[in-house]
Every structure is written in structure tokens, then in C-alpha cells.
Amino acid sequence: MSLGEGEMRIDPTLDAGQRELVIEIQKKSKTFAIGLVLGVPLTFGGLHHGITEKPAGFAAAAIGLVLAAVGAVAMVRMRALRERLRGITPDAWRSPAAHLPGARRAATLAAYVNGVLALLNLGAVGWLLVKGAGWGAYGNSFGFGALMLGAAIPLGMGLAAASTIPQLLRVVPAGAKVGRSLYSVLMVLGATMLINGVKGADPTALVVGGAVTAVCLGAMTLLGRAVKRMRGEQS
């Protein structure tokens, strides 16, 4: 089912109740994204400007806080809707095959794979904060705001990946599915870097982009198999 031009397609296997929840989640996710993209740089950039330049920056920071608060409320509501969706989705419950050694091993492997994803994203946050000094991001308000926004994205992904580990240790297949989605985001970034490396004959971009793409493909394959094993579809 298409939700319109530029919208995500909804899984046709969902029933009417699940589909309605997915549509509501997508609406809330847009509000959350707007609040994040506008609120974070305005808040941090405004504070930087207010402290280092003119008090008018604090007004921008106040607007940013309002936007960030709107995004935060949307995120809370979105999480509540996701909990409701999980409650009526089979993969959100402990697998009926959880007693099988193969399912438990698959869940443990998926937990490790998602743990690596969490560490990679948290490492990316640290890397961005350190590199920001070399880029001059701490010396101007726009750069500081952009840096904080850039750091917020992998931070959120890392925390999301880490939150799936307890689920996987209970042999809940949804944790592996979330990990696959997060890895797919990184794979798009890696593929983009790889393509740019080919076009610009940049060996560093080729190596890094190729490595990220290959790792993400491997992780997504492992997580896909783990989901099937946790469901009892594979021995």
C-alpha cells in the first residue's frame, strides 16, 4: 500500500490494525525528524552564539528548545505506538522456538551483531566530536550546531541498537529486524561513499565505502538468518 508520493510503502502482509498503527508511527516520525533537524542545531548553535557573540543567540536557542521539545513529545508518542504495534505483531513476542538450541544461538549471535552496531555508532559520535575541533566547528555557532546534529544521529542509532540486545537475549525476533533496518541505513551511507569514490577516483572513499557496505551486507544477512532461526523456520 502506497501512502503517496515520497512515502514509505507499508508491508502488504499487515492487517488493518497494524497498518493503522504504522501510518500513525510514520506521522509521528516526521514530527520527530523535524524537531531533531531544526531543534538541535538551533539550540546548540544559539547557545554558542549567545555565549560567544550576542545575547540574541539565546532567543534562537529558546526556539530550538521548543522545537526539540515537540520532537521529543513526538518520539515518546511514537515509542508508545510502537509498543502497541509490537503487542499485536508475532515477532515482538518471545519465539515459540526459544527452547531450541539453534534459536538461542541465533539470538545470541544477533545480540553480538547489534552490539557491534551500537559500538560503531557510539564510536562515530566520539570521532565526530574530536574531528569537530579540526574542522573548526567549535569556533562558530553554525558549525557547532551542525556538529551537534551530526553527532545526535549516530547517538540515536547506537542507543536503538543497544536497546535490542535485551530483546534478543529473550529470543525476540523483532530485535534482529530492528538491527537489519539500522544496518541498512549505514549501508546506504557506505554505498554512497563507494560511488563517490569511484567517480572521484578517491582510494580512501573506495576502501572505506566498500568496507562499510560489505560489513553491513554481511550483518544484514546474518540477522535475516537469525530471524528465521528464532521463528523456527530453519534448524
Protein backbone atom coordinates (compact mmCIF):
# COMPACT_ATOMS: atom_id res chain seq x y z
CA MET A 1 0.00 0.00 0.00
CA SER A 2 1.45 3.32 -1.04
CA LEU A 3 0.92 6.30 1.23
CA GLY A 4 1.54 8.79 -1.51
CA GLU A 5 4.47 10.16 -3.42
CA GLY A 6 7.70 10.04 -1.43
CA GLU A 7 6.09 7.97 1.35
CA MET A 8 7.29 4.60 2.59
CA ARG A 9 5.37 1.56 1.42
CA ILE A 10 3.54 -0.38 4.08
CA ASP A 11 4.05 -4.13 4.29
CA PRO A 12 1.03 -5.66 2.49
CA THR A 13 1.01 -8.58 4.95
CA LEU A 14 -0.09 -6.29 7.82
CA ASP A 15 -3.69 -6.42 8.93
CA ALA A 16 -5.91 -3.32 9.24
CA GLY A 17 -4.99 -2.64 12.88
CA GLN A 18 -1.27 -2.95 12.25
CA ARG A 19 -1.49 -0.79 9.14
CA GLU A 20 -3.27 1.98 11.04
CA LEU A 21 -0.58 1.98 13.71
CA VAL A 22 2.19 2.05 11.11
CA ILE A 23 0.62 5.12 9.46
CA GLU A 24 0.42 6.90 12.83
CA ILE A 25 4.04 5.98 13.60
CA GLN A 26 5.16 7.43 10.27
CA LYS A 27 3.34 10.69 11.01
CA LYS A 28 4.96 10.96 14.43
CA SER A 29 8.37 10.09 12.97
CA LYS A 30 8.10 13.08 10.60
CA THR A 31 7.37 15.42 13.52
CA PHE A 32 10.25 13.90 15.46
CA ALA A 33 12.63 14.33 12.50
CA ILE A 34 11.65 17.98 12.03
CA GLY A 35 12.09 18.67 15.73
CA LEU A 36 15.50 16.99 15.70
CA VAL A 37 16.83 18.53 12.49
CA LEU A 38 15.75 22.07 13.40
CA GLY A 39 15.76 21.98 17.19
CA VAL A 40 19.22 20.53 17.90
CA PRO A 41 21.29 22.94 15.76
CA LEU A 42 19.20 25.94 16.81
CA THR A 43 19.56 25.05 20.48
CA PHE A 44 23.31 24.41 20.49
CA GLY A 45 24.15 26.98 17.84
CA GLY A 46 22.03 29.58 19.62
CA LEU A 47 23.68 28.88 22.96
CA HIS A 48 27.11 29.11 21.34
CA HIS A 49 26.21 32.43 19.70
CA GLY A 50 24.66 33.77 22.90
CA ILE A 51 27.74 32.94 24.94
CA THR A 52 30.41 33.94 22.44
CA GLU A 53 28.76 36.70 20.38
CA LYS A 54 25.44 38.34 21.20
CA PRO A 55 22.61 37.61 23.67
CA ALA A 56 20.23 37.35 20.70
CA GLY A 57 21.56 33.83 20.27
CA PHE A 58 19.66 32.80 23.39
CA ALA A 59 16.39 33.64 21.61
CA ALA A 60 17.32 31.19 18.84
CA ALA A 61 18.22 28.64 21.50
CA ALA A 62 14.78 29.08 23.09
CA ILE A 63 13.09 28.44 19.73
CA GLY A 64 15.32 25.42 19.27
CA LEU A 65 14.34 24.08 22.68
CA VAL A 66 10.65 24.39 21.77
CA LEU A 67 11.23 22.51 18.51
CA ALA A 68 13.32 19.89 20.29
CA ALA A 69 10.55 19.51 22.89
CA VAL A 70 7.98 19.00 20.13
CA GLY A 71 10.24 16.36 18.61
CA ALA A 72 10.75 14.71 22.00
CA VAL A 73 6.99 14.51 22.62
CA ALA A 74 6.53 13.01 19.15
CA MET A 75 9.26 10.46 19.93
CA VAL A 76 7.55 9.45 23.20
CA ARG A 77 4.23 9.03 21.41
CA MET A 78 5.93 7.16 18.60
CA ARG A 79 7.52 4.75 21.09
CA ALA A 80 4.11 4.16 22.70
CA LEU A 81 2.61 3.40 19.29
CA ARG A 82 5.47 1.05 18.52
CA GLU A 83 4.83 -0.79 21.79
CA ARG A 84 1.20 -1.20 20.76
CA LEU A 85 2.29 -2.44 17.35
CA ARG A 86 4.71 -4.89 18.92
CA GLY A 87 1.91 -6.16 21.11
CA ILE A 88 -0.04 -7.34 18.04
CA THR A 89 2.98 -8.46 15.99
CA PRO A 90 4.14 -12.08 16.43
CA ASP A 91 7.85 -11.21 16.17
CA ALA A 92 7.51 -8.90 19.18
CA TRP A 93 6.98 -11.86 21.48
CA ARG A 94 9.42 -14.48 22.67
CA SER A 95 9.83 -17.02 19.91
CA PRO A 96 7.89 -20.29 20.32
CA ALA A 97 11.14 -21.94 19.24
CA ALA A 98 13.12 -20.28 22.05
CA HIS A 99 13.70 -23.65 23.71
CA LEU A 100 15.64 -24.89 20.66
CA PRO A 101 19.45 -24.59 20.80
CA GLY A 102 19.56 -23.24 17.24
CA ALA A 103 17.16 -20.41 18.04
CA ARG A 104 19.08 -19.47 21.19
CA ARG A 105 22.40 -19.46 19.31
CA ALA A 106 20.88 -17.32 16.57
CA ALA A 107 19.55 -14.86 19.14
CA THR A 108 22.94 -14.65 20.85
CA LEU A 109 24.70 -14.07 17.53
CA ALA A 110 22.19 -11.35 16.62
CA ALA A 111 22.80 -9.70 20.01
CA TYR A 112 26.55 -9.60 19.30
CA VAL A 113 25.96 -8.22 15.78
CA ASN A 114 23.70 -5.47 17.12
CA GLY A 115 26.19 -4.80 19.92
CA VAL A 116 28.87 -4.17 17.30
CA LEU A 117 26.48 -1.75 15.58
CA ALA A 118 25.91 0.10 18.86
CA LEU A 119 29.66 0.39 19.48
CA LEU A 120 30.31 1.58 15.91
CA ASN A 121 27.70 4.32 16.23
CA LEU A 122 28.90 5.45 19.64
CA GLY A 123 32.44 5.43 18.30
CA ALA A 124 31.24 7.60 15.41
CA VAL A 125 29.89 10.11 17.94
CA GLY A 126 33.28 10.35 19.64
CA TRP A 127 35.05 10.59 16.28
CA LEU A 128 32.80 13.45 15.18
CA LEU A 129 33.29 15.36 18.44
CA VAL A 130 37.08 15.03 18.18
CA LYS A 131 37.21 15.81 14.46
CA GLY A 132 34.98 18.82 15.01
CA ALA A 133 37.93 20.67 16.53
CA GLY A 134 39.95 20.19 13.36
CA TRP A 135 37.03 21.31 11.22
CA GLY A 136 36.66 24.50 13.25
CA ALA A 137 33.15 23.54 14.35
CA TYR A 138 33.73 24.76 17.89
CA GLY A 139 34.77 28.19 16.71
CA ASN A 140 31.47 29.30 15.18
CA SER A 141 27.80 28.87 16.03
CA PHE A 142 26.68 27.34 12.74
CA GLY A 143 29.43 24.76 12.78
CA PHE A 144 28.78 23.86 16.41
CA GLY A 145 25.05 23.42 15.79
CA ALA A 146 25.70 21.27 12.72
CA LEU A 147 28.23 19.18 14.63
CA MET A 148 25.74 18.50 17.44
CA LEU A 149 23.10 17.49 14.90
CA GLY A 150 25.59 15.20 13.18
CA ALA A 151 26.50 13.59 16.49
CA ALA A 152 22.86 13.15 17.52
CA ILE A 153 22.12 10.85 14.56
CA PRO A 154 24.65 8.07 15.29
CA LEU A 155 23.94 8.51 19.01
CA GLY A 156 20.29 7.73 18.43
CA MET A 157 21.12 4.77 16.19
CA GLY A 158 23.59 3.42 18.73
CA LEU A 159 21.08 3.62 21.56
CA ALA A 160 18.42 1.99 19.37
CA ALA A 161 20.80 -0.87 18.54
CA ALA A 162 21.73 -1.31 22.20
CA SER A 163 18.05 -1.43 23.20
CA THR A 164 17.54 -4.55 21.05
CA ILE A 165 20.10 -6.63 22.97
CA PRO A 166 17.81 -7.43 25.95
CA GLN A 167 15.09 -8.43 23.46
CA LEU A 168 17.43 -10.77 21.63
CA LEU A 169 18.63 -12.36 24.84
CA ARG A 170 14.96 -13.26 25.41
CA VAL A 171 14.86 -14.69 21.83
CA VAL A 172 12.54 -11.97 20.48
CA PRO A 173 12.90 -11.87 16.66
CA ALA A 174 11.92 -8.18 16.43
CA GLY A 175 15.33 -7.22 17.85
CA ALA A 176 17.09 -8.71 14.84
CA LYS A 177 14.67 -7.00 12.45
CA VAL A 178 15.42 -3.62 14.03
CA GLY A 179 19.14 -4.32 13.69
CA ARG A 180 18.70 -5.06 9.99
CA SER A 181 16.92 -1.75 9.49
CA LEU A 182 19.68 0.17 11.26
CA TYR A 183 22.40 -1.61 9.29
CA SER A 184 20.55 -0.76 6.06
CA VAL A 185 20.90 2.95 6.90
CA LEU A 186 24.67 2.55 7.31
CA MET A 187 24.83 0.53 4.11
CA VAL A 188 23.26 3.37 2.15
CA LEU A 189 25.91 5.73 3.54
CA GLY A 190 28.67 3.26 2.70
CA ALA A 191 27.35 2.72 -0.83
CA THR A 192 27.14 6.49 -1.35
CA MET A 193 30.75 6.86 -0.24
CA LEU A 194 31.76 3.99 -2.53
CA ILE A 195 30.03 5.55 -5.54
CA ASN A 196 31.61 8.94 -4.85
CA GLY A 197 34.99 7.23 -4.53
CA VAL A 198 34.55 5.65 -7.95
CA LYS A 199 33.50 8.92 -9.53
CA GLY A 200 36.24 10.96 -7.88
CA ALA A 201 38.95 8.27 -8.06
CA ASP A 202 39.38 8.60 -4.29
CA PRO A 203 41.05 5.43 -2.93
CA THR A 204 40.18 6.25 0.70
CA ALA A 205 36.49 6.62 -0.10
CA LEU A 206 36.63 3.42 -2.14
CA VAL A 207 38.17 1.40 0.68
CA VAL A 208 36.07 2.83 3.50
CA GLY A 209 32.84 2.83 1.48
CA GLY A 210 33.45 -0.69 0.23
CA ALA A 211 34.30 -1.97 3.72
CA VAL A 212 31.21 -0.37 5.30
CA THR A 213 28.96 -1.72 2.54
CA ALA A 214 30.41 -5.23 2.82
CA VAL A 215 30.16 -5.31 6.62
CA CYS A 216 26.57 -4.07 6.54
CA LEU A 217 25.57 -6.61 3.89
CA GLY A 218 27.14 -9.39 5.93
CA ALA A 219 25.44 -8.24 9.13
CA MET A 220 22.06 -7.93 7.42
CA THR A 221 22.44 -11.45 6.02
CA LEU A 222 23.31 -12.84 9.44
CA LEU A 223 20.40 -11.04 11.08
CA GLY A 224 17.99 -12.23 8.40
CA ARG A 225 19.02 -15.83 9.03
CA ALA A 226 18.79 -15.25 12.77
CA VAL A 227 15.17 -14.10 12.42
CA LYS A 228 14.27 -17.30 10.56
CA ARG A 229 16.02 -19.49 13.12
CA MET A 230 14.34 -17.70 16.00
CA ARG A 231 10.99 -18.25 14.32
CA GLY A 232 11.81 -21.93 13.97
CA GLU A 233 11.79 -21.71 10.18
CA GLN A 234 15.35 -23.03 9.96
CA SER A 235 17.12 -25.61 12.09
